[in-house]
Amino acid sequence: AIEREVVVTRLGRPQRELNELECVDGKVWANVWQTDEIVRIDPRTGAVDAVVDATGLLSAEERQGADVLNGIAYVPETRRFLVTGKLWPTLFEVTFEAAR
């Protein structure tokens, strides 16, 4: 049963096309379908409070046969994320760090 719904916003505007949700340390991570972005969402407010640009994961050559970023999964034992996409030749194991 639905307990609560939250509208996700980014800079005050609705953030649509969320895919592959992962709950980690009180935040929700999701890739944004049809983009190379992964967002972190505050589940209390629905606000996007961080954006990861995954554009550089694939080389230009690898991108030729690949489709969209389409998957993230959290691995609690390593505290890392697995990131991949449709027809991607590689599964990446990554950590997300705040910009300095």
PDB file of N, CA and C in Angstrom:
ATOM      1  N   ALA A   1       0.836  -1.178   0.000  1.00  0.00           N
ATOM      2  CA  ALA A   1       0.000   0.000   0.000  1.00  0.00           C
ATOM      3  C   ALA A   1       0.884   1.247   0.000  1.00  0.00           C
ATOM      4  N   ILE A   2       0.465   2.235  -0.724  1.00  0.00           N
ATOM      5  CA  ILE A   2       1.198   3.501  -0.778  1.00  0.00           C
ATOM      6  C   ILE A   2       1.082   4.189   0.571  1.00  0.00           C
ATOM      7  N   GLU A   3       2.211   4.558   1.137  1.00  0.00           N
ATOM      8  CA  GLU A   3       2.228   5.266   2.414  1.00  0.00           C
ATOM      9  C   GLU A   3       2.331   6.771   2.212  1.00  0.00           C
ATOM     10  N   ARG A   4       3.035   7.184   1.153  1.00  0.00           N
ATOM     11  CA  ARG A   4       3.276   8.603   0.936  1.00  0.00           C
ATOM     12  C   ARG A   4       3.794   8.797  -0.481  1.00  0.00           C
ATOM     13  N   GLU A   5       3.460   9.902  -1.082  1.00  0.00           N
ATOM     14  CA  GLU A   5       3.982  10.259  -2.394  1.00  0.00           C
ATOM     15  C   GLU A   5       4.757  11.559  -2.274  1.00  0.00           C
ATOM     16  N   VAL A   6       5.806  11.677  -3.074  1.00  0.00           N
ATOM     17  CA  VAL A   6       6.646  12.871  -3.069  1.00  0.00           C
ATOM     18  C   VAL A   6       6.843  13.310  -4.513  1.00  0.00           C
ATOM     19  N   VAL A   7       6.646  14.575  -4.779  1.00  0.00           N
ATOM     20  CA  VAL A   7       6.938  15.129  -6.093  1.00  0.00           C
ATOM     21  C   VAL A   7       8.416  15.497  -6.102  1.00  0.00           C
ATOM     22  N   VAL A   8       9.158  14.973  -7.059  1.00  0.00           N
ATOM     23  CA  VAL A   8      10.591  15.251  -7.151  1.00  0.00           C
ATOM     24  C   VAL A   8      10.790  16.511  -7.979  1.00  0.00           C
ATOM     25  N   THR A   9      11.576  17.436  -7.414  1.00  0.00           N
ATOM     26  CA  THR A   9      11.835  18.698  -8.106  1.00  0.00           C
ATOM     27  C   THR A   9      13.340  18.947  -8.196  1.00  0.00           C
ATOM     28  N   ARG A  10      13.699  19.668  -9.242  1.00  0.00           N
ATOM     29  CA  ARG A  10      15.091  20.059  -9.454  1.00  0.00           C
ATOM     30  C   ARG A  10      15.082  21.547  -9.771  1.00  0.00           C
ATOM     31  N   LEU A  11      15.695  22.306  -8.908  1.00  0.00           N
ATOM     32  CA  LEU A  11      15.684  23.765  -9.030  1.00  0.00           C
ATOM     33  C   LEU A  11      14.252  24.299  -9.111  1.00  0.00           C
ATOM     34  N   GLY A  12      13.359  23.688  -8.342  1.00  0.00           N
ATOM     35  CA  GLY A  12      11.978  24.142  -8.256  1.00  0.00           C
ATOM     36  C   GLY A  12      11.045  23.646  -9.346  1.00  0.00           C
ATOM     37  N   ARG A  13      11.564  22.882 -10.298  1.00  0.00           N
ATOM     38  CA  ARG A  13      10.735  22.369 -11.397  1.00  0.00           C
ATOM     39  C   ARG A  13      10.644  20.850 -11.291  1.00  0.00           C
ATOM     40  N   PRO A  14       9.545  20.266 -11.733  1.00  0.00           N
ATOM     41  CA  PRO A  14       9.406  18.806 -11.654  1.00  0.00           C
ATOM     42  C   PRO A  14      10.527  18.074 -12.396  1.00  0.00           C
ATOM     43  N   GLN A  15      11.085  17.053 -11.745  1.00  0.00           N
ATOM     44  CA  GLN A  15      12.096  16.208 -12.385  1.00  0.00           C
ATOM     45  C   GLN A  15      11.382  14.947 -12.848  1.00  0.00           C
ATOM     46  N   ARG A  16      11.342  14.748 -14.129  1.00  0.00           N
ATOM     47  CA  ARG A  16      10.628  13.612 -14.714  1.00  0.00           C
ATOM     48  C   ARG A  16      11.605  12.542 -15.182  1.00  0.00           C
ATOM     49  N   GLU A  17      11.048  11.437 -15.622  1.00  0.00           N
ATOM     50  CA  GLU A  17      11.809  10.343 -16.250  1.00  0.00           C
ATOM     51  C   GLU A  17      12.812   9.687 -15.309  1.00  0.00           C
ATOM     52  N   LEU A  18      12.453   9.536 -14.040  1.00  0.00           N
ATOM     53  CA  LEU A  18      13.348   8.860 -13.100  1.00  0.00           C
ATOM     54  C   LEU A  18      13.257   7.356 -13.306  1.00  0.00           C
ATOM     55  N   ASN A  19      14.389   6.692 -13.157  1.00  0.00           N
ATOM     56  CA  ASN A  19      14.493   5.271 -13.466  1.00  0.00           C
ATOM     57  C   ASN A  19      15.482   4.635 -12.491  1.00  0.00           C
ATOM     58  N   GLU A  20      15.290   3.367 -12.187  1.00  0.00           N
ATOM     59  CA  GLU A  20      16.244   2.613 -11.359  1.00  0.00           C
ATOM     60  C   GLU A  20      16.537   3.300 -10.031  1.00  0.00           C
ATOM     61  N   LEU A  21      15.561   3.354  -9.162  1.00  0.00           N
ATOM     62  CA  LEU A  21      15.728   4.006  -7.865  1.00  0.00           C
ATOM     63  C   LEU A  21      16.518   3.126  -6.903  1.00  0.00           C
ATOM     64  N   GLU A  22      17.428   3.746  -6.150  1.00  0.00           N
ATOM     65  CA  GLU A  22      18.221   3.069  -5.126  1.00  0.00           C
ATOM     66  C   GLU A  22      18.205   3.904  -3.862  1.00  0.00           C
ATOM     67  N   CYS A  23      17.843   3.302  -2.734  1.00  0.00           N
ATOM     68  CA  CYS A  23      17.847   4.000  -1.449  1.00  0.00           C
ATOM     69  C   CYS A  23      19.162   3.711  -0.734  1.00  0.00           C
ATOM     70  N   VAL A  24      19.911   4.778  -0.422  1.00  0.00           N
ATOM     71  CA  VAL A  24      21.226   4.643   0.196  1.00  0.00           C
ATOM     72  C   VAL A  24      21.412   5.749   1.232  1.00  0.00           C
ATOM     73  N   ASP A  25      21.649   5.347   2.479  1.00  0.00           N
ATOM     74  CA  ASP A  25      21.944   6.303   3.549  1.00  0.00           C
ATOM     75  C   ASP A  25      20.930   7.441   3.633  1.00  0.00           C
ATOM     76  N   GLY A  26      19.668   7.119   3.528  1.00  0.00           N
ATOM     77  CA  GLY A  26      18.612   8.114   3.688  1.00  0.00           C
ATOM     78  C   GLY A  26      18.342   8.972   2.474  1.00  0.00           C
ATOM     79  N   LYS A  27      18.983   8.689   1.360  1.00  0.00           N
ATOM     80  CA  LYS A  27      18.754   9.422   0.110  1.00  0.00           C
ATOM     81  C   LYS A  27      18.296   8.437  -0.960  1.00  0.00           C
ATOM     82  N   VAL A  28      17.698   8.966  -2.016  1.00  0.00           N
ATOM     83  CA  VAL A  28      17.275   8.142  -3.150  1.00  0.00           C
ATOM     84  C   VAL A  28      18.092   8.569  -4.361  1.00  0.00           C
ATOM     85  N   TRP A  29      18.721   7.590  -5.001  1.00  0.00           N
ATOM     86  CA  TRP A  29      19.482   7.839  -6.219  1.00  0.00           C
ATOM     87  C   TRP A  29      18.683   7.288  -7.391  1.00  0.00           C
ATOM     88  N   ALA A  30      18.718   7.970  -8.528  1.00  0.00           N
ATOM     89  CA  ALA A  30      17.996   7.506  -9.719  1.00  0.00           C
ATOM     90  C   ALA A  30      18.695   8.010 -10.959  1.00  0.00           C
ATOM     91  N   ASN A  31      18.688   7.178 -11.999  1.00  0.00           N
ATOM     92  CA  ASN A  31      19.175   7.728 -13.261  1.00  0.00           C
ATOM     93  C   ASN A  31      17.993   8.397 -13.948  1.00  0.00           C
ATOM     94  N   VAL A  32      18.304   9.423 -14.736  1.00  0.00           N
ATOM     95  CA  VAL A  32      17.289  10.164 -15.482  1.00  0.00           C
ATOM     96  C   VAL A  32      17.280   9.586 -16.892  1.00  0.00           C
ATOM     97  N   TRP A  33      16.177   8.943 -17.236  1.00  0.00           N
ATOM     98  CA  TRP A  33      16.059   8.230 -18.501  1.00  0.00           C
ATOM     99  C   TRP A  33      16.321   9.141 -19.689  1.00  0.00           C
ATOM    100  N   GLN A  34      17.016   8.616 -20.673  1.00  0.00           N
ATOM    101  CA  GLN A  34      17.385   9.320 -21.909  1.00  0.00           C
ATOM    102  C   GLN A  34      18.442  10.396 -21.697  1.00  0.00           C
ATOM    103  N   THR A  35      19.123  10.376 -20.534  1.00  0.00           N
ATOM    104  CA  THR A  35      20.228  11.307 -20.282  1.00  0.00           C
ATOM    105  C   THR A  35      21.389  10.510 -19.689  1.00  0.00           C
ATOM    106  N   ASP A  36      22.512  11.178 -19.477  1.00  0.00           N
ATOM    107  CA  ASP A  36      23.654  10.579 -18.788  1.00  0.00           C
ATOM    108  C   ASP A  36      23.734  11.081 -17.352  1.00  0.00           C
ATOM    109  N   GLU A  37      22.607  11.451 -16.791  1.00  0.00           N
ATOM    110  CA  GLU A  37      22.577  11.985 -15.430  1.00  0.00           C
ATOM    111  C   GLU A  37      22.025  10.984 -14.421  1.00  0.00           C
ATOM    112  N   ILE A  38      22.617  11.066 -13.236  1.00  0.00           N
ATOM    113  CA  ILE A  38      22.122  10.345 -12.071  1.00  0.00           C
ATOM    114  C   ILE A  38      21.869  11.418 -11.020  1.00  0.00           C
ATOM    115  N   VAL A  39      20.707  11.384 -10.388  1.00  0.00           N
ATOM    116  CA  VAL A  39      20.377  12.408  -9.394  1.00  0.00           C
ATOM    117  C   VAL A  39      20.228  11.785  -8.013  1.00  0.00           C
ATOM    118  N   ARG A  40      20.519  12.606  -7.005  1.00  0.00           N
ATOM    119  CA  ARG A  40      20.291  12.227  -5.609  1.00  0.00           C
ATOM    120  C   ARG A  40      19.127  13.063  -5.100  1.00  0.00           C
ATOM    121  N   ILE A  41      18.172  12.383  -4.476  1.00  0.00           N
ATOM    122  CA  ILE A  41      16.920  13.018  -4.060  1.00  0.00           C
ATOM    123  C   ILE A  41      16.772  12.928  -2.551  1.00  0.00           C
ATOM    124  N   ASP A  42      16.366  14.030  -1.952  1.00  0.00           N
ATOM    125  CA  ASP A  42      16.008  14.029  -0.532  1.00  0.00           C
ATOM    126  C   ASP A  42      14.571  13.524  -0.446  1.00  0.00           C
ATOM    127  N   PRO A  43      14.333  12.349   0.123  1.00  0.00           N
ATOM    128  CA  PRO A  43      12.981  11.787   0.121  1.00  0.00           C
ATOM    129  C   PRO A  43      11.984  12.555   0.993  1.00  0.00           C
ATOM    130  N   ARG A  44      12.482  13.357   1.922  1.00  0.00           N
ATOM    131  CA  ARG A  44      11.566  14.147   2.758  1.00  0.00           C
ATOM    132  C   ARG A  44      10.950  15.286   1.973  1.00  0.00           C
ATOM    133  N   THR A  45      11.765  15.942   1.136  1.00  0.00           N
ATOM    134  CA  THR A  45      11.294  17.124   0.418  1.00  0.00           C
ATOM    135  C   THR A  45      11.049  16.879  -1.065  1.00  0.00           C
ATOM    136  N   GLY A  46      11.668  15.833  -1.602  1.00  0.00           N
ATOM    137  CA  GLY A  46      11.575  15.556  -3.032  1.00  0.00           C
ATOM    138  C   GLY A  46      12.576  16.350  -3.854  1.00  0.00           C
ATOM    139  N   ALA A  47      13.389  17.174  -3.211  1.00  0.00           N
ATOM    140  CA  ALA A  47      14.342  18.019  -3.939  1.00  0.00           C
ATOM    141  C   ALA A  47      15.562  17.221  -4.386  1.00  0.00           C
ATOM    142  N   VAL A  48      15.968  17.432  -5.624  1.00  0.00           N
ATOM    143  CA  VAL A  48      17.229  16.892  -6.116  1.00  0.00           C
ATOM    144  C   VAL A  48      18.329  17.728  -5.480  1.00  0.00           C
ATOM    145  N   ASP A  49      19.242  17.073  -4.752  1.00  0.00           N
ATOM    146  CA  ASP A  49      20.291  17.837  -4.081  1.00  0.00           C
ATOM    147  C   ASP A  49      21.692  17.533  -4.610  1.00  0.00           C
ATOM    148  N   ALA A  50      21.787  16.667  -5.618  1.00  0.00           N
ATOM    149  CA  ALA A  50      23.072  16.403  -6.279  1.00  0.00           C
ATOM    150  C   ALA A  50      22.802  15.797  -7.646  1.00  0.00           C
ATOM    151  N   VAL A  51      23.691  16.089  -8.592  1.00  0.00           N
ATOM    152  CA  VAL A  51      23.580  15.552  -9.947  1.00  0.00           C
ATOM    153  C   VAL A  51      24.942  15.006 -10.351  1.00  0.00           C
ATOM    154  N   VAL A  52      24.951  13.779 -10.856  1.00  0.00           N
ATOM    155  CA  VAL A  52      26.172  13.156 -11.358  1.00  0.00           C
ATOM    156  C   VAL A  52      26.069  13.118 -12.880  1.00  0.00           C
ATOM    157  N   ASP A  53      27.096  13.616 -13.549  1.00  0.00           N
ATOM    158  CA  ASP A  53      27.160  13.575 -15.011  1.00  0.00           C
ATOM    159  C   ASP A  53      28.027  12.382 -15.401  1.00  0.00           C
ATOM    160  N   ALA A  54      27.402  11.356 -15.967  1.00  0.00           N
ATOM    161  CA  ALA A  54      28.108  10.121 -16.329  1.00  0.00           C
ATOM    162  C   ALA A  54      28.553  10.114 -17.791  1.00  0.00           C
ATOM    163  N   THR A  55      28.567  11.268 -18.416  1.00  0.00           N
ATOM    164  CA  THR A  55      28.906  11.366 -19.836  1.00  0.00           C
ATOM    165  C   THR A  55      30.251  10.735 -20.166  1.00  0.00           C
ATOM    166  N   GLY A  56      31.248  10.896 -19.328  1.00  0.00           N
ATOM    167  CA  GLY A  56      32.589  10.452 -19.643  1.00  0.00           C
ATOM    168  C   GLY A  56      32.883   8.984 -19.405  1.00  0.00           C
ATOM    169  N   LEU A  57      31.906   8.206 -18.993  1.00  0.00           N
ATOM    170  CA  LEU A  57      32.192   6.799 -18.721  1.00  0.00           C
ATOM    171  C   LEU A  57      32.568   6.020 -19.973  1.00  0.00           C
ATOM    172  N   LEU A  58      31.880   6.251 -21.056  1.00  0.00           N
ATOM    173  CA  LEU A  58      32.182   5.545 -22.308  1.00  0.00           C
ATOM    174  C   LEU A  58      33.029   6.428 -23.213  1.00  0.00           C
ATOM    175  N   SER A  59      33.950   5.797 -23.914  1.00  0.00           N
ATOM    176  CA  SER A  59      34.731   6.536 -24.909  1.00  0.00           C
ATOM    177  C   SER A  59      33.830   6.828 -26.106  1.00  0.00           C
ATOM    178  N   ALA A  60      34.271   7.705 -26.985  1.00  0.00           N
ATOM    179  CA  ALA A  60      33.499   8.020 -28.193  1.00  0.00           C
ATOM    180  C   ALA A  60      33.280   6.760 -29.026  1.00  0.00           C
ATOM    181  N   GLU A  61      34.282   5.916 -29.098  1.00  0.00           N
ATOM    182  CA  GLU A  61      34.167   4.668 -29.856  1.00  0.00           C
ATOM    183  C   GLU A  61      33.135   3.726 -29.232  1.00  0.00           C
ATOM    184  N   GLU A  62      33.170   3.569 -27.900  1.00  0.00           N
ATOM    185  CA  GLU A  62      32.211   2.701 -27.212  1.00  0.00           C
ATOM    186  C   GLU A  62      30.784   3.231 -27.349  1.00  0.00           C
ATOM    187  N   ARG A  63      30.647   4.551 -27.377  1.00  0.00           N
ATOM    188  CA  ARG A  63      29.325   5.169 -27.463  1.00  0.00           C
ATOM    189  C   ARG A  63      28.628   4.868 -28.789  1.00  0.00           C
ATOM    190  N   GLN A  64      29.403   4.582 -29.824  1.00  0.00           N
ATOM    191  CA  GLN A  64      28.840   4.320 -31.152  1.00  0.00           C
ATOM    192  C   GLN A  64      27.830   3.175 -31.138  1.00  0.00           C
ATOM    193  N   GLY A  65      28.106   2.107 -30.422  1.00  0.00           N
ATOM    194  CA  GLY A  65      27.191   0.973 -30.400  1.00  0.00           C
ATOM    195  C   GLY A  65      26.310   0.914 -29.177  1.00  0.00           C
ATOM    196  N   ALA A  66      26.386   1.912 -28.330  1.00  0.00           N
ATOM    197  CA  ALA A  66      25.654   1.902 -27.065  1.00  0.00           C
ATOM    198  C   ALA A  66      24.366   2.704 -27.157  1.00  0.00           C
ATOM    199  N   ASP A  67      23.481   2.414 -26.232  1.00  0.00           N
ATOM    200  CA  ASP A  67      22.240   3.166 -26.098  1.00  0.00           C
ATOM    201  C   ASP A  67      22.325   3.948 -24.784  1.00  0.00           C
ATOM    202  N   VAL A  68      21.212   4.221 -24.163  1.00  0.00           N
ATOM    203  CA  VAL A  68      21.139   5.112 -23.003  1.00  0.00           C
ATOM    204  C   VAL A  68      21.640   4.488 -21.705  1.00  0.00           C
ATOM    205  N   LEU A  69      22.146   5.354 -20.825  1.00  0.00           N
ATOM    206  CA  LEU A  69      22.406   4.981 -19.440  1.00  0.00           C
ATOM    207  C   LEU A  69      21.083   4.474 -18.885  1.00  0.00           C
ATOM    208  N   ASN A  70      21.091   3.300 -18.295  1.00  0.00           N
ATOM    209  CA  ASN A  70      19.804   2.738 -17.911  1.00  0.00           C
ATOM    210  C   ASN A  70      19.869   1.881 -16.669  1.00  0.00           C
ATOM    211  N   GLY A  71      20.881   2.022 -15.861  1.00  0.00           N
ATOM    212  CA  GLY A  71      20.882   1.190 -14.684  1.00  0.00           C
ATOM    213  C   GLY A  71      21.895   1.603 -13.657  1.00  0.00           C
ATOM    214  N   ILE A  72      21.426   1.675 -12.408  1.00  0.00           N
ATOM    215  CA  ILE A  72      22.336   1.839 -11.283  1.00  0.00           C
ATOM    216  C   ILE A  72      21.901   0.848 -10.213  1.00  0.00           C
ATOM    217  N   ALA A  73      22.865   0.345  -9.496  1.00  0.00           N
ATOM    218  CA  ALA A  73      22.586  -0.566  -8.377  1.00  0.00           C
ATOM    219  C   ALA A  73      23.625  -0.293  -7.303  1.00  0.00           C
ATOM    220  N   TYR A  74      23.198  -0.308  -6.061  1.00  0.00           N
ATOM    221  CA  TYR A  74      24.101  -0.055  -4.949  1.00  0.00           C
ATOM    222  C   TYR A  74      24.570  -1.379  -4.373  1.00  0.00           C
ATOM    223  N   VAL A  75      25.867  -1.462  -4.078  1.00  0.00           N
ATOM    224  CA  VAL A  75      26.452  -2.654  -3.465  1.00  0.00           C
ATOM    225  C   VAL A  75      26.890  -2.278  -2.054  1.00  0.00           C
ATOM    226  N   PRO A  76      26.094  -2.627  -1.038  1.00  0.00           N
ATOM    227  CA  PRO A  76      26.401  -2.175   0.321  1.00  0.00           C
ATOM    228  C   PRO A  76      27.739  -2.677   0.864  1.00  0.00           C
ATOM    229  N   GLU A  77      28.167  -3.858   0.446  1.00  0.00           N
ATOM    230  CA  GLU A  77      29.433  -4.407   0.957  1.00  0.00           C
ATOM    231  C   GLU A  77      30.637  -3.552   0.558  1.00  0.00           C
ATOM    232  N   THR A  78      30.583  -2.931  -0.603  1.00  0.00           N
ATOM    233  CA  THR A  78      31.694  -2.095  -1.071  1.00  0.00           C
ATOM    234  C   THR A  78      31.388  -0.604  -0.973  1.00  0.00           C
ATOM    235  N   ARG A  79      30.118  -0.274  -0.704  1.00  0.00           N
ATOM    236  CA  ARG A  79      29.633   1.106  -0.664  1.00  0.00           C
ATOM    237  C   ARG A  79      29.877   1.805  -2.002  1.00  0.00           C
ATOM    238  N   ARG A  80      29.700   1.043  -3.079  1.00  0.00           N
ATOM    239  CA  ARG A  80      29.867   1.571  -4.435  1.00  0.00           C
ATOM    240  C   ARG A  80      28.610   1.296  -5.244  1.00  0.00           C
ATOM    241  N   PHE A  81      28.508   1.985  -6.366  1.00  0.00           N
ATOM    242  CA  PHE A  81      27.400   1.790  -7.281  1.00  0.00           C
ATOM    243  C   PHE A  81      27.887   1.062  -8.532  1.00  0.00           C
ATOM    244  N   LEU A  82      27.019   0.263  -9.106  1.00  0.00           N
ATOM    245  CA  LEU A  82      27.245  -0.318 -10.417  1.00  0.00           C
ATOM    246  C   LEU A  82      26.433   0.519 -11.396  1.00  0.00           C
ATOM    247  N   VAL A  83      27.054   0.937 -12.487  1.00  0.00           N
ATOM    248  CA  VAL A  83      26.404   1.790 -13.475  1.00  0.00           C
ATOM    249  C   VAL A  83      26.604   1.177 -14.853  1.00  0.00           C
ATOM    250  N   THR A  84      25.526   1.093 -15.629  1.00  0.00           N
ATOM    251  CA  THR A  84      25.610   0.584 -16.991  1.00  0.00           C
ATOM    252  C   THR A  84      24.455   1.145 -17.806  1.00  0.00           C
ATOM    253  N   GLY A  85      24.340   0.701 -19.025  1.00  0.00           N
ATOM    254  CA  GLY A  85      23.270   1.166 -19.898  1.00  0.00           C
ATOM    255  C   GLY A  85      22.913   0.100 -20.910  1.00  0.00           C
ATOM    256  N   LYS A  86      21.915   0.386 -21.690  1.00  0.00           N
ATOM    257  CA  LYS A  86      21.489  -0.542 -22.737  1.00  0.00           C
ATOM    258  C   LYS A  86      22.588  -0.648 -23.788  1.00  0.00           C
ATOM    259  N   LEU A  87      22.977  -1.861 -24.061  1.00  0.00           N
ATOM    260  CA  LEU A  87      24.011  -2.179 -25.055  1.00  0.00           C
ATOM    261  C   LEU A  87      25.375  -1.583 -24.711  1.00  0.00           C
ATOM    262  N   TRP A  88      25.598  -1.246 -23.441  1.00  0.00           N
ATOM    263  CA  TRP A  88      26.909  -0.761 -23.040  1.00  0.00           C
ATOM    264  C   TRP A  88      27.870  -1.948 -22.981  1.00  0.00           C
ATOM    265  N   PRO A  89      29.113  -1.767 -23.404  1.00  0.00           N
ATOM    266  CA  PRO A  89      30.073  -2.869 -23.384  1.00  0.00           C
ATOM    267  C   PRO A  89      30.687  -3.109 -22.004  1.00  0.00           C
ATOM    268  N   THR A  90      30.394  -2.225 -21.051  1.00  0.00           N
ATOM    269  CA  THR A  90      31.059  -2.269 -19.752  1.00  0.00           C
ATOM    270  C   THR A  90      30.077  -1.993 -18.622  1.00  0.00           C
ATOM    271  N   LEU A  91      30.324  -2.650 -17.499  1.00  0.00           N
ATOM    272  CA  LEU A  91      29.642  -2.353 -16.245  1.00  0.00           C
ATOM    273  C   LEU A  91      30.666  -1.632 -15.377  1.00  0.00           C
ATOM    274  N   PHE A  92      30.348  -0.432 -14.919  1.00  0.00           N
ATOM    275  CA  PHE A  92      31.279   0.365 -14.133  1.00  0.00           C
ATOM    276  C   PHE A  92      30.954   0.254 -12.654  1.00  0.00           C
ATOM    277  N   GLU A  93      31.981   0.167 -11.827  1.00  0.00           N
ATOM    278  CA  GLU A  93      31.823   0.211 -10.381  1.00  0.00           C
ATOM    279  C   GLU A  93      32.381   1.557  -9.939  1.00  0.00           C
ATOM    280  N   VAL A  94      31.526   2.416  -9.351  1.00  0.00           N
ATOM    281  CA  VAL A  94      31.916   3.801  -9.071  1.00  0.00           C
ATOM    282  C   VAL A  94      31.517   4.227  -7.668  1.00  0.00           C
ATOM    283  N   THR A  95      32.152   5.296  -7.216  1.00  0.00           N
ATOM    284  CA  THR A  95      31.709   6.019  -6.031  1.00  0.00           C
ATOM    285  C   THR A  95      31.386   7.442  -6.470  1.00  0.00           C
ATOM    286  N   PHE A  96      30.511   8.085  -5.756  1.00  0.00           N
ATOM    287  CA  PHE A  96      30.153   9.465  -6.051  1.00  0.00           C
ATOM    288  C   PHE A  96      30.750  10.345  -4.962  1.00  0.00           C
ATOM    289  N   GLU A  97      31.465  11.386  -5.367  1.00  0.00           N
ATOM    290  CA  GLU A  97      32.070  12.308  -4.430  1.00  0.00           C
ATOM    291  C   GLU A  97      31.572  13.716  -4.692  1.00  0.00           C
ATOM    292  N   ALA A  98      31.445  14.481  -3.635  1.00  0.00           N
ATOM    293  CA  ALA A  98      30.992  15.869  -3.773  1.00  0.00           C
ATOM    294  C   ALA A  98      32.076  16.691  -4.466  1.00  0.00           C
ATOM    295  N   ALA A  99      31.638  17.632  -5.283  1.00  0.00           N
ATOM    296  CA  ALA A  99      32.584  18.544  -5.936  1.00  0.00           C
ATOM    297  C   ALA A  99      33.255  19.412  -4.888  1.00  0.00           C
ATOM    298  N   ARG A 100      34.472  19.761  -5.132  1.00  0.00           N
ATOM    299  CA  ARG A 100      35.205  20.598  -4.166  1.00  0.00           C
ATOM    300  C   ARG A 100      35.400  21.984  -4.725  1.00  0.00           C
TER     301      ARG A 100
END
